[in-house]
Amino acid sequence: MTFRQRLKSGETLLGTMVTLPTTATAEILADLGFDWLFLDAEHSSLSYGEIQGILQTVGDKTACVVRLPAAEEMQVKKVLDLGAAGIIAPQVNSLEHAQDIVRFARYSPEGCRGVGIGRAHGYGMRFTDYMETANDSVAVLVQAEHIEAVKCIESIVRIDGLDGIMLGPYDLSASMGKMGQINDPEVTDAIDRIHQACQSAEIAIGYFGVNVDAVRPYRQKGYNLILAGVDTLHLGGAAKKMLNELRSTPGNQS
């Protein structure tokens, strides 16, 4: 099954975030058995060339979904032409913007995705096959991370061709004048409204947390697209733990 098919089936998919440009990092994470990798082109330094390298290395092992640098047409078609399994568009705060993102990601007649030849098309060798299957196989998600998005979330989740909502609790809290206060009652009410809308429309909903404890409550609530941890935190956390253990272990006494 494709990532999109698994997402639409309601399966719980466990992923982690990739921000480092080295293909070996993504390869290590893919080999561990994550269901998907979140390639962050919005808040990291990942370039299109580096994203392509990661896709070439692990795209056949683990679904790679790219968070776009910006929710714009050019970014959509560039990332999809590289062969990503899907996209996540940040800061989509209106029904019209969400509709545009879906149109940009789907070929005619379902949308207006530009037709080019890239890695996704086998550099032209699999052009026809990709054109015939892309609309069914590419996952399209938008982030709900602003109070304006919450105000129209019941309409956004009903857009034909939209596969899921990725919740952005910290930006959402900031947009409400409550930076970082993700447990504030008004913020949790907004988060619950997004969740209820997704449940009503039978559409996937995702959540990011820096560790297992952060995502556990959302798994229990039925969120099915789980994103836990970041490559840099995995590396730094494990190294710090080992260093602390070394420092606390007495050396041999001669």
Protein backbone atom coordinates (compact mmCIF):
# COMPACT_ATOMS: atom_id res chain seq x y z
CA MET A 1 0.00 0.00 0.00
CA THR A 2 1.13 3.54 -0.66
CA PHE A 3 1.54 6.02 2.16
CA ARG A 4 -1.66 7.73 1.02
CA GLN A 5 -3.61 4.47 1.04
CA ARG A 6 -2.37 3.63 4.53
CA LEU A 7 -3.25 7.13 5.69
CA LYS A 8 -6.76 6.97 4.27
CA SER A 9 -7.32 3.52 5.77
CA GLY A 10 -6.94 5.00 9.25
CA GLU A 11 -3.78 3.06 10.07
CA THR A 12 -1.61 4.63 12.77
CA LEU A 13 1.64 5.68 11.12
CA LEU A 14 4.71 6.43 13.24
CA GLY A 15 7.30 8.84 11.95
CA THR A 16 10.15 11.10 12.95
CA MET A 17 11.55 14.38 11.64
CA VAL A 18 14.58 14.73 9.39
CA THR A 19 16.38 18.08 9.33
CA LEU A 20 20.00 17.10 8.67
CA PRO A 21 21.12 17.06 5.02
CA THR A 22 23.16 13.84 5.27
CA THR A 23 21.58 10.87 3.53
CA ALA A 24 23.12 8.52 6.11
CA THR A 25 21.00 10.06 8.86
CA ALA A 26 17.79 9.38 6.95
CA GLU A 27 19.01 5.91 6.03
CA ILE A 28 19.62 5.00 9.68
CA LEU A 29 16.14 6.17 10.64
CA ALA A 30 14.50 4.38 7.71
CA ASP A 31 16.28 1.13 8.57
CA LEU A 32 14.91 1.31 12.12
CA GLY A 33 11.43 0.74 10.72
CA PHE A 34 9.62 4.08 10.95
CA ASP A 35 6.47 4.12 8.81
CA TRP A 36 7.34 7.52 7.40
CA LEU A 37 9.89 10.31 7.54
CA PHE A 38 8.97 13.98 7.79
CA LEU A 39 11.53 15.95 5.75
CA ASP A 40 11.40 19.50 7.08
CA ALA A 41 12.15 22.04 4.36
CA GLU A 42 10.43 24.86 6.29
CA HIS A 43 12.52 25.17 9.45
CA SER A 44 15.72 23.40 8.40
CA SER A 45 18.40 24.10 5.81
CA LEU A 46 17.36 21.20 3.56
CA SER A 47 17.67 22.20 -0.10
CA TYR A 48 15.91 20.62 -3.07
CA GLY A 49 19.11 18.80 -3.99
CA GLU A 50 19.48 17.42 -0.48
CA ILE A 51 15.84 16.33 -0.42
CA GLN A 52 16.39 14.52 -3.72
CA GLY A 53 19.44 12.77 -2.27
CA ILE A 54 17.42 11.56 0.72
CA LEU A 55 14.62 10.35 -1.54
CA GLN A 56 17.10 8.49 -3.73
CA THR A 57 18.58 6.82 -0.66
CA VAL A 58 15.49 5.87 1.36
CA GLY A 59 12.40 6.73 -0.69
CA ASP A 60 11.92 3.09 -1.68
CA LYS A 61 12.30 1.93 1.95
CA THR A 62 10.20 4.44 3.86
CA ALA A 63 7.61 6.98 2.76
CA CYS A 64 9.13 10.46 2.76
CA VAL A 65 6.73 13.36 3.19
CA VAL A 66 8.11 16.87 2.75
CA ARG A 67 6.98 19.91 4.68
CA LEU A 68 7.23 22.64 2.08
CA PRO A 69 9.34 25.77 2.59
CA ALA A 70 6.15 27.72 1.91
CA ALA A 71 2.61 26.86 0.83
CA GLU A 72 3.08 28.02 -2.76
CA GLU A 73 2.56 26.46 -6.18
CA MET A 74 6.24 26.42 -7.15
CA GLN A 75 7.20 24.61 -3.94
CA VAL A 76 4.47 22.00 -4.44
CA LYS A 77 5.49 21.03 -7.95
CA LYS A 78 9.23 21.06 -7.25
CA VAL A 79 8.93 18.72 -4.27
CA LEU A 80 6.47 16.37 -5.97
CA ASP A 81 8.61 16.21 -9.13
CA LEU A 82 11.44 14.98 -6.90
CA GLY A 83 9.29 11.96 -6.04
CA ALA A 84 8.08 12.67 -2.50
CA ALA A 85 5.30 10.41 -1.22
CA GLY A 86 3.42 13.50 -0.12
CA ILE A 87 3.56 17.10 0.99
CA ILE A 88 2.60 19.02 4.10
CA ALA A 89 1.83 22.68 3.44
CA PRO A 90 2.53 25.05 6.37
CA GLN A 91 0.48 28.07 7.44
CA VAL A 92 -2.64 27.30 5.43
CA ASN A 93 -5.15 29.57 7.13
CA SER A 94 -8.14 29.74 4.80
CA LEU A 95 -10.42 27.48 2.80
CA GLU A 96 -9.28 29.08 -0.45
CA HIS A 97 -5.61 28.52 0.33
CA ALA A 98 -6.21 24.88 1.22
CA GLN A 99 -8.16 24.38 -2.02
CA ASP A 100 -5.25 25.89 -3.95
CA ILE A 101 -2.73 23.51 -2.36
CA VAL A 102 -4.79 20.50 -3.39
CA ARG A 103 -5.18 21.85 -6.94
CA PHE A 104 -1.44 22.51 -7.21
CA ALA A 105 -0.73 18.88 -6.21
CA ARG A 106 -3.17 17.15 -8.57
CA TYR A 107 -2.88 16.80 -12.33
CA SER A 108 -5.78 17.81 -14.57
CA PRO A 109 -8.72 17.27 -14.46
CA GLU A 110 -8.55 17.07 -10.65
CA GLY A 111 -6.19 20.01 -10.35
CA CYS A 112 -3.66 22.17 -12.15
CA ARG A 113 -0.29 20.62 -11.28
CA GLY A 114 2.30 21.66 -13.81
CA VAL A 115 3.59 18.91 -16.08
CA GLY A 116 7.34 18.47 -16.11
CA ILE A 117 9.90 15.68 -16.22
CA GLY A 118 11.75 14.91 -13.03
CA ARG A 119 12.88 12.11 -10.78
CA ALA A 120 9.27 11.18 -9.99
CA HIS A 121 8.77 10.42 -13.68
CA GLY A 122 11.89 8.29 -13.94
CA TYR A 123 13.50 11.27 -15.65
CA GLY A 124 11.04 10.66 -18.49
CA MET A 125 11.37 6.88 -18.66
CA ARG A 126 8.22 6.31 -16.56
CA PHE A 127 6.43 9.49 -17.51
CA THR A 128 3.13 7.93 -18.60
CA ASP A 129 2.93 5.55 -15.63
CA TYR A 130 3.54 8.35 -13.13
CA MET A 131 1.05 10.69 -14.77
CA GLU A 132 -1.62 7.97 -14.60
CA THR A 133 -1.05 7.13 -10.93
CA ALA A 134 0.14 10.33 -9.23
CA ASN A 135 -3.29 11.71 -8.36
CA ASP A 136 -4.10 8.49 -6.52
CA SER A 137 -0.73 7.95 -4.86
CA VAL A 138 0.46 11.39 -3.71
CA ALA A 139 -0.67 12.45 -0.22
CA VAL A 140 -1.64 16.07 0.37
CA LEU A 141 -1.84 17.49 3.88
CA VAL A 142 -2.05 20.99 5.28
CA GLN A 143 -1.07 22.29 8.68
CA ALA A 144 -3.68 23.81 10.97
CA GLU A 145 -1.50 26.12 13.02
CA HIS A 146 -3.35 29.42 13.21
CA ILE A 147 -6.63 30.48 14.77
CA GLU A 148 -7.85 31.61 11.34
CA ALA A 149 -7.51 28.03 10.11
CA VAL A 150 -9.50 26.81 13.10
CA LYS A 151 -12.34 29.19 12.23
CA CYS A 152 -12.89 27.43 8.91
CA ILE A 153 -11.57 23.96 9.72
CA GLU A 154 -14.96 22.29 9.18
CA SER A 155 -14.84 23.44 5.56
CA ILE A 156 -11.16 22.70 5.01
CA VAL A 157 -11.46 19.05 6.03
CA ARG A 158 -14.22 18.53 3.44
CA ILE A 159 -12.03 19.49 0.47
CA ASP A 160 -12.00 16.68 -2.08
CA GLY A 161 -8.47 15.35 -2.45
CA LEU A 162 -7.18 16.56 0.90
CA ASP A 163 -5.78 13.62 2.87
CA GLY A 164 -5.09 15.00 6.31
CA ILE A 165 -4.44 17.79 8.76
CA MET A 166 -1.16 18.20 10.64
CA LEU A 167 -1.74 20.05 13.87
CA GLY A 168 0.72 22.81 14.80
CA PRO A 169 0.01 23.48 18.49
CA TYR A 170 2.82 25.93 19.21
CA ASP A 171 2.14 28.25 16.27
CA LEU A 172 -1.56 27.91 17.01
CA SER A 173 -1.04 29.04 20.59
CA ALA A 174 1.09 31.96 19.39
CA SER A 175 -1.63 33.07 16.98
CA MET A 176 -3.99 33.21 19.96
CA GLY A 177 -1.64 35.38 21.99
CA LYS A 178 -0.68 32.43 24.21
CA MET A 179 2.78 31.50 22.97
CA GLY A 180 3.74 28.01 24.12
CA GLN A 181 0.68 27.66 26.35
CA ILE A 182 -0.58 24.56 24.58
CA ASN A 183 -2.47 23.40 27.68
CA ASP A 184 -4.38 26.67 28.04
CA PRO A 185 -8.14 25.92 27.90
CA GLU A 186 -8.72 28.17 24.87
CA VAL A 187 -5.88 26.50 22.99
CA THR A 188 -7.03 22.99 23.89
CA ASP A 189 -10.56 23.92 22.81
CA ALA A 190 -9.18 24.97 19.41
CA ILE A 191 -7.19 21.73 19.15
CA ASP A 192 -10.28 19.70 20.06
CA ARG A 193 -12.28 21.53 17.39
CA ILE A 194 -9.70 20.53 14.76
CA HIS A 195 -9.77 16.93 15.97
CA GLN A 196 -13.55 16.76 15.94
CA ALA A 197 -13.69 18.19 12.43
CA CYS A 198 -11.21 15.58 11.19
CA GLN A 199 -13.16 12.78 12.86
CA SER A 200 -16.41 14.01 11.34
CA ALA A 201 -14.89 14.12 7.85
CA GLU A 202 -13.04 10.82 8.43
CA ILE A 203 -9.77 12.46 7.51
CA ALA A 204 -6.33 11.82 9.04
CA ILE A 205 -4.98 14.05 11.77
CA GLY A 206 -1.35 14.28 12.85
CA TYR A 207 0.59 15.61 15.82
CA PHE A 208 4.25 16.33 16.50
CA GLY A 209 5.97 15.90 19.86
CA VAL A 210 9.62 15.92 20.83
CA ASN A 211 9.34 12.59 22.61
CA VAL A 212 7.01 9.68 23.38
CA ASP A 213 5.44 11.38 26.39
CA ALA A 214 4.49 14.39 24.26
CA VAL A 215 2.61 12.34 21.65
CA ARG A 216 1.15 9.66 23.91
CA PRO A 217 -2.05 11.59 24.80
CA TYR A 218 -2.77 12.21 21.13
CA ARG A 219 -2.29 8.56 20.19
CA GLN A 220 -4.79 7.73 22.91
CA LYS A 221 -7.24 10.24 21.40
CA GLY A 222 -7.04 8.51 18.04
CA TYR A 223 -4.61 10.69 16.11
CA ASN A 224 -3.26 8.42 13.42
CA LEU A 225 -0.31 10.36 11.98
CA ILE A 226 2.25 10.47 14.77
CA LEU A 227 5.49 12.40 14.46
CA ALA A 228 7.89 11.97 17.37
CA GLY A 229 11.38 13.39 17.80
CA VAL A 230 13.90 15.06 15.51
CA ASP A 231 17.12 13.64 14.10
CA THR A 232 19.20 16.24 15.94
CA LEU A 233 17.50 15.43 19.25
CA HIS A 234 17.97 11.69 18.70
CA LEU A 235 21.68 12.26 18.12
CA GLY A 236 22.21 14.81 20.87
CA GLY A 237 20.10 12.97 23.44
CA ALA A 238 21.82 9.63 22.96
CA ALA A 239 25.29 11.21 22.99
CA LYS A 240 24.51 13.25 26.10
CA LYS A 241 23.18 10.16 27.91
CA MET A 242 26.33 8.20 27.07
CA LEU A 243 28.64 11.06 28.11
CA ASN A 244 26.84 11.43 31.44
CA GLU A 245 27.20 7.70 32.03
CA LEU A 246 30.91 7.85 31.24
CA ARG A 247 31.41 10.73 33.63
CA SER A 248 29.57 8.96 36.41
CA THR A 249 31.50 5.71 35.99
CA PRO A 250 34.74 5.57 37.98
CA GLY A 251 37.85 4.73 35.98
CA ASN A 252 40.17 1.87 36.84
CA GLN A 253 42.41 2.67 39.79
CA SER A 254 46.05 1.62 39.43
